[in-house]
N, C-alpha and C. Protein backbone atom coordinates (compact mmCIF):
# COMPACT_ATOMS: atom_id res chain seq x y z
N MET A 1 40.51 -114.29 68.58
CA MET A 1 41.24 -113.68 67.73
C MET A 1 42.08 -112.69 68.41
N ASN A 2 43.72 -112.71 68.29
CA ASN A 2 44.33 -112.28 69.09
C ASN A 2 44.84 -111.23 67.39
N LYS A 3 45.64 -110.12 68.23
CA LYS A 3 46.28 -108.94 67.75
C LYS A 3 46.67 -109.24 66.53
N VAL A 4 47.48 -109.69 66.11
CA VAL A 4 48.17 -109.82 65.04
C VAL A 4 47.15 -110.30 63.63
N GLU A 5 46.00 -111.48 64.27
CA GLU A 5 44.74 -111.91 63.73
C GLU A 5 43.81 -110.63 63.03
N LEU A 6 44.04 -109.89 64.29
CA LEU A 6 42.85 -108.68 63.72
C LEU A 6 43.37 -107.76 63.03
N ILE A 7 45.09 -106.96 62.88
CA ILE A 7 45.25 -106.79 62.00
C ILE A 7 45.16 -107.41 60.99
N ALA A 8 45.47 -108.14 60.31
CA ALA A 8 45.24 -109.03 59.20
C ALA A 8 43.84 -108.34 58.63
N ALA A 9 43.12 -109.21 59.81
CA ALA A 9 41.41 -108.54 59.16
C ALA A 9 40.90 -107.03 58.87
N VAL A 10 41.77 -106.33 59.68
CA VAL A 10 41.30 -105.12 59.56
C VAL A 10 42.18 -104.46 57.95
N ALA A 11 43.46 -105.24 57.68
CA ALA A 11 43.33 -104.81 56.76
C ALA A 11 43.20 -105.39 55.68
N GLU A 12 42.58 -106.44 55.23
CA GLU A 12 41.82 -107.26 54.60
C GLU A 12 40.75 -106.26 54.40
N LYS A 13 39.78 -106.25 55.18
CA LYS A 13 38.42 -105.61 54.59
C LYS A 13 38.55 -103.96 54.63
N ALA A 14 39.86 -103.25 55.07
CA ALA A 14 39.72 -101.91 54.37
C ALA A 14 40.76 -101.73 53.25
N GLY A 15 41.52 -102.81 52.96
CA GLY A 15 42.03 -102.70 51.75
C GLY A 15 43.47 -101.85 51.90
N MET A 16 43.94 -102.22 52.90
CA MET A 16 44.84 -101.18 53.46
C MET A 16 46.41 -102.73 53.57
N THR A 17 47.50 -101.79 53.55
CA THR A 17 48.73 -103.00 53.93
C THR A 17 48.56 -103.83 55.44
N LYS A 18 49.21 -104.32 55.65
CA LYS A 18 48.99 -104.94 56.95
C LYS A 18 49.96 -104.22 58.10
N VAL A 19 51.29 -102.84 57.61
CA VAL A 19 51.68 -102.16 57.93
C VAL A 19 50.94 -100.93 58.62
N ASP A 20 49.93 -100.50 57.47
CA ASP A 20 49.04 -99.44 57.98
C ASP A 20 47.98 -99.97 58.82
N ALA A 21 47.72 -101.23 58.55
CA ALA A 21 46.77 -101.57 59.71
C ALA A 21 47.52 -101.78 61.15
N ARG A 22 48.58 -102.30 61.43
CA ARG A 22 48.82 -101.96 62.58
C ARG A 22 49.35 -100.90 62.92
N LYS A 23 49.53 -100.11 62.51
CA LYS A 23 49.92 -98.27 63.10
C LYS A 23 48.31 -98.11 63.06
N ALA A 24 47.34 -98.03 62.63
CA ALA A 24 45.79 -98.02 62.85
C ALA A 24 45.72 -98.58 64.04
N VAL A 25 45.26 -99.69 64.21
CA VAL A 25 44.84 -100.59 65.27
C VAL A 25 46.01 -100.36 66.48
N ASP A 26 47.53 -99.90 66.44
CA ASP A 26 48.19 -99.44 67.72
C ASP A 26 47.92 -97.81 68.05
N ALA A 27 47.05 -97.25 67.06
CA ALA A 27 46.76 -95.77 67.22
C ALA A 27 45.76 -96.36 68.38
N MET A 28 44.91 -96.63 67.59
CA MET A 28 43.25 -97.16 68.27
C MET A 28 43.71 -97.30 69.87
N ILE A 29 44.44 -98.40 70.28
CA ILE A 29 44.63 -98.93 71.23
C ILE A 29 45.31 -97.66 72.06
N ASP A 30 46.51 -97.06 71.62
CA ASP A 30 47.14 -96.01 72.49
C ASP A 30 46.10 -94.53 72.65
N VAL A 31 45.04 -94.46 71.96
CA VAL A 31 44.13 -93.03 72.20
C VAL A 31 42.86 -93.86 73.48
N ALA A 32 42.73 -94.96 73.01
CA ALA A 32 41.96 -96.25 74.10
C ALA A 32 42.80 -95.52 75.20
N LYS A 33 43.51 -96.08 75.48
CA LYS A 33 44.51 -95.93 76.94
C LYS A 33 44.73 -94.85 77.50
N GLU A 34 44.47 -93.70 76.97
CA GLU A 34 45.16 -92.02 77.32
C GLU A 34 43.73 -91.94 77.61
N GLU A 35 42.68 -91.80 76.92
CA GLU A 35 41.36 -91.50 77.47
C GLU A 35 40.81 -92.33 78.79
N LEU A 36 41.00 -93.51 78.87
CA LEU A 36 40.67 -94.05 80.02
C LEU A 36 41.75 -94.16 81.11
N LYS A 37 42.96 -93.47 80.82
CA LYS A 37 43.74 -93.28 82.46
C LYS A 37 43.02 -91.38 82.53
N LYS A 38 42.42 -90.90 81.87
CA LYS A 38 41.72 -89.74 82.20
C LYS A 38 40.48 -89.78 82.94
N ASP A 39 40.13 -90.89 83.28
CA ASP A 39 38.88 -91.21 83.48
C ASP A 39 37.80 -90.98 82.66
N GLY A 40 38.07 -91.04 81.11
CA GLY A 40 37.53 -90.86 80.24
C GLY A 40 36.17 -91.92 79.94
N LYS A 41 35.49 -91.56 78.74
CA LYS A 41 34.52 -92.69 78.30
C LYS A 41 34.50 -93.36 76.83
N ILE A 42 34.34 -94.10 76.25
CA ILE A 42 34.86 -94.74 74.86
C ILE A 42 32.97 -95.02 74.63
N ALA A 43 32.55 -94.52 73.60
CA ALA A 43 31.55 -94.82 73.27
C ALA A 43 31.72 -94.99 71.19
N LEU A 44 31.72 -96.27 71.18
CA LEU A 44 31.89 -96.82 69.48
C LEU A 44 30.21 -97.18 69.36
N VAL A 45 29.55 -96.11 68.84
CA VAL A 45 27.99 -96.63 67.88
C VAL A 45 28.05 -98.13 67.51
N GLY A 46 27.51 -99.14 67.90
CA GLY A 46 27.06 -100.23 67.18
C GLY A 46 28.34 -101.35 67.58
N PHE A 47 29.01 -101.09 68.61
CA PHE A 47 30.03 -101.95 69.08
C PHE A 47 29.94 -101.85 70.92
N GLY A 48 29.93 -100.62 71.28
CA GLY A 48 29.57 -100.56 72.72
C GLY A 48 30.79 -99.47 73.54
N THR A 49 30.32 -99.61 74.70
CA THR A 49 30.67 -98.53 75.67
C THR A 49 32.25 -98.90 76.72
N MET A 50 32.85 -98.60 76.73
CA MET A 50 34.22 -98.65 77.89
C MET A 50 34.17 -97.20 78.60
N GLY A 51 34.82 -97.75 80.09
CA GLY A 51 34.28 -96.79 80.99
C GLY A 51 35.31 -96.89 81.96
N ILE A 52 35.70 -96.21 82.96
CA ILE A 52 36.48 -96.98 84.63
C ILE A 52 35.39 -97.22 85.41
N ASN A 53 35.82 -98.20 85.98
CA ASN A 53 34.80 -98.31 87.14
C ASN A 53 35.84 -98.45 88.29
N GLU A 54 34.98 -98.11 89.56
CA GLU A 54 35.60 -97.96 90.69
C GLU A 54 35.19 -99.01 91.63
N ARG A 55 36.35 -99.92 91.80
CA ARG A 55 35.67 -101.04 93.25
C ARG A 55 36.26 -100.14 94.51
N PRO A 56 35.84 -100.13 95.39
CA PRO A 56 36.12 -100.09 96.64
C PRO A 56 36.69 -100.74 97.65
N ALA A 57 37.87 -100.37 98.53
CA ALA A 57 38.50 -101.32 99.50
C ALA A 57 37.43 -102.30 100.25
N ARG A 58 37.56 -103.72 100.03
CA ARG A 58 36.95 -104.40 100.70
C ARG A 58 37.78 -105.56 101.83
N GLN A 59 37.16 -106.19 102.35
CA GLN A 59 37.84 -107.27 103.13
C GLN A 59 37.39 -108.79 102.33
N GLY A 60 38.26 -109.39 102.27
CA GLY A 60 38.10 -110.72 101.72
C GLY A 60 38.84 -111.64 102.52
N ARG A 61 38.72 -113.09 101.84
CA ARG A 61 39.29 -114.31 102.76
C ARG A 61 40.49 -114.98 101.59
N ASN A 62 41.18 -115.26 102.12
CA ASN A 62 42.64 -115.96 101.85
C ASN A 62 41.68 -117.32 101.29
N PRO A 63 41.72 -118.06 100.74
CA PRO A 63 40.82 -119.48 100.91
C PRO A 63 41.73 -120.56 101.20
N ARG A 64 43.00 -120.15 100.92
CA ARG A 64 44.05 -121.44 101.11
C ARG A 64 44.20 -121.75 103.32
N THR A 65 44.14 -120.42 103.68
CA THR A 65 44.47 -120.06 105.30
C THR A 65 43.05 -119.75 105.74
N GLY A 66 41.91 -119.09 104.87
CA GLY A 66 41.12 -119.19 105.99
C GLY A 66 40.75 -117.59 106.34
N LYS A 67 42.16 -117.14 106.49
CA LYS A 67 42.43 -115.64 107.32
C LYS A 67 41.78 -114.50 106.28
N THR A 68 41.31 -113.52 107.01
CA THR A 68 40.52 -112.20 106.32
C THR A 68 42.01 -111.22 105.79
N ILE A 69 41.45 -110.79 104.63
CA ILE A 69 42.39 -110.03 103.94
C ILE A 69 41.64 -108.78 103.58
N LYS A 70 42.77 -107.31 103.52
CA LYS A 70 42.12 -106.09 103.15
C LYS A 70 42.64 -106.41 101.76
N ILE A 71 41.50 -106.23 100.35
CA ILE A 71 41.92 -106.04 99.40
C ILE A 71 41.40 -104.36 99.06
N ALA A 72 42.82 -103.65 98.22
CA ALA A 72 42.69 -102.54 98.03
C ALA A 72 41.61 -102.34 96.86
N ALA A 73 41.40 -100.78 97.09
CA ALA A 73 40.50 -100.14 96.15
C ALA A 73 41.04 -100.16 95.02
N LYS A 74 40.44 -100.06 93.58
CA LYS A 74 41.30 -100.12 92.70
C LYS A 74 40.42 -99.47 91.48
N LYS A 75 40.88 -99.11 90.50
CA LYS A 75 40.31 -98.77 88.94
C LYS A 75 40.19 -100.05 87.73
N VAL A 76 39.16 -100.52 87.55
CA VAL A 76 38.98 -101.31 86.07
C VAL A 76 38.57 -100.84 85.19
N VAL A 77 38.55 -101.32 84.34
CA VAL A 77 37.36 -101.23 83.02
C VAL A 77 36.76 -101.72 83.22
N LYS A 78 35.85 -101.00 82.29
CA LYS A 78 33.84 -101.64 82.15
C LYS A 78 33.61 -101.94 80.61
N PHE A 79 33.16 -102.79 80.06
CA PHE A 79 32.96 -102.94 78.71
C PHE A 79 31.56 -103.39 78.78
N LYS A 80 30.55 -102.22 78.29
CA LYS A 80 28.66 -102.54 78.00
C LYS A 80 29.17 -102.61 76.53
N PRO A 81 28.61 -104.01 75.90
CA PRO A 81 28.54 -104.16 74.60
C PRO A 81 27.16 -103.20 74.29
N ALA A 82 27.33 -102.86 72.90
CA ALA A 82 25.64 -102.04 72.43
C ALA A 82 24.69 -103.37 72.31
N ALA A 83 23.96 -102.91 72.40
CA ALA A 83 22.34 -104.56 72.26
C ALA A 83 22.14 -104.50 71.10
N ASN A 84 22.80 -104.28 69.84
CA ASN A 84 22.43 -105.06 68.71
C ASN A 84 23.87 -105.41 67.77
N LEU A 85 24.99 -105.74 69.10
CA LEU A 85 26.21 -106.09 68.55
C LEU A 85 26.59 -107.38 68.06
N LEU A 86 25.54 -108.55 68.52
CA LEU A 86 25.54 -109.74 67.65
C LEU A 86 24.51 -109.88 66.51
N LYS A 87 23.67 -108.65 66.07
CA LYS A 87 22.89 -108.76 65.53
C LYS A 87 22.81 -108.60 64.19
């Protein structure tokens, strides 16, 4: 499902127009981005939890040349689904 399909599904389920559903989905995405940028955590009961996970710097290997390279530390989004998500 892509964003357009999600908006259409939300509009149908909620009995709202696609324009209003797009505003709601966009607002949810914006709020989630802002919270995650602050190293926050988003917990949606019955769906899952999103948070920031920090990956430390490490050594890697270029598969083409075999040379050792340095991989920089970075922050990534981690999603943990709720135990009953697919039940």
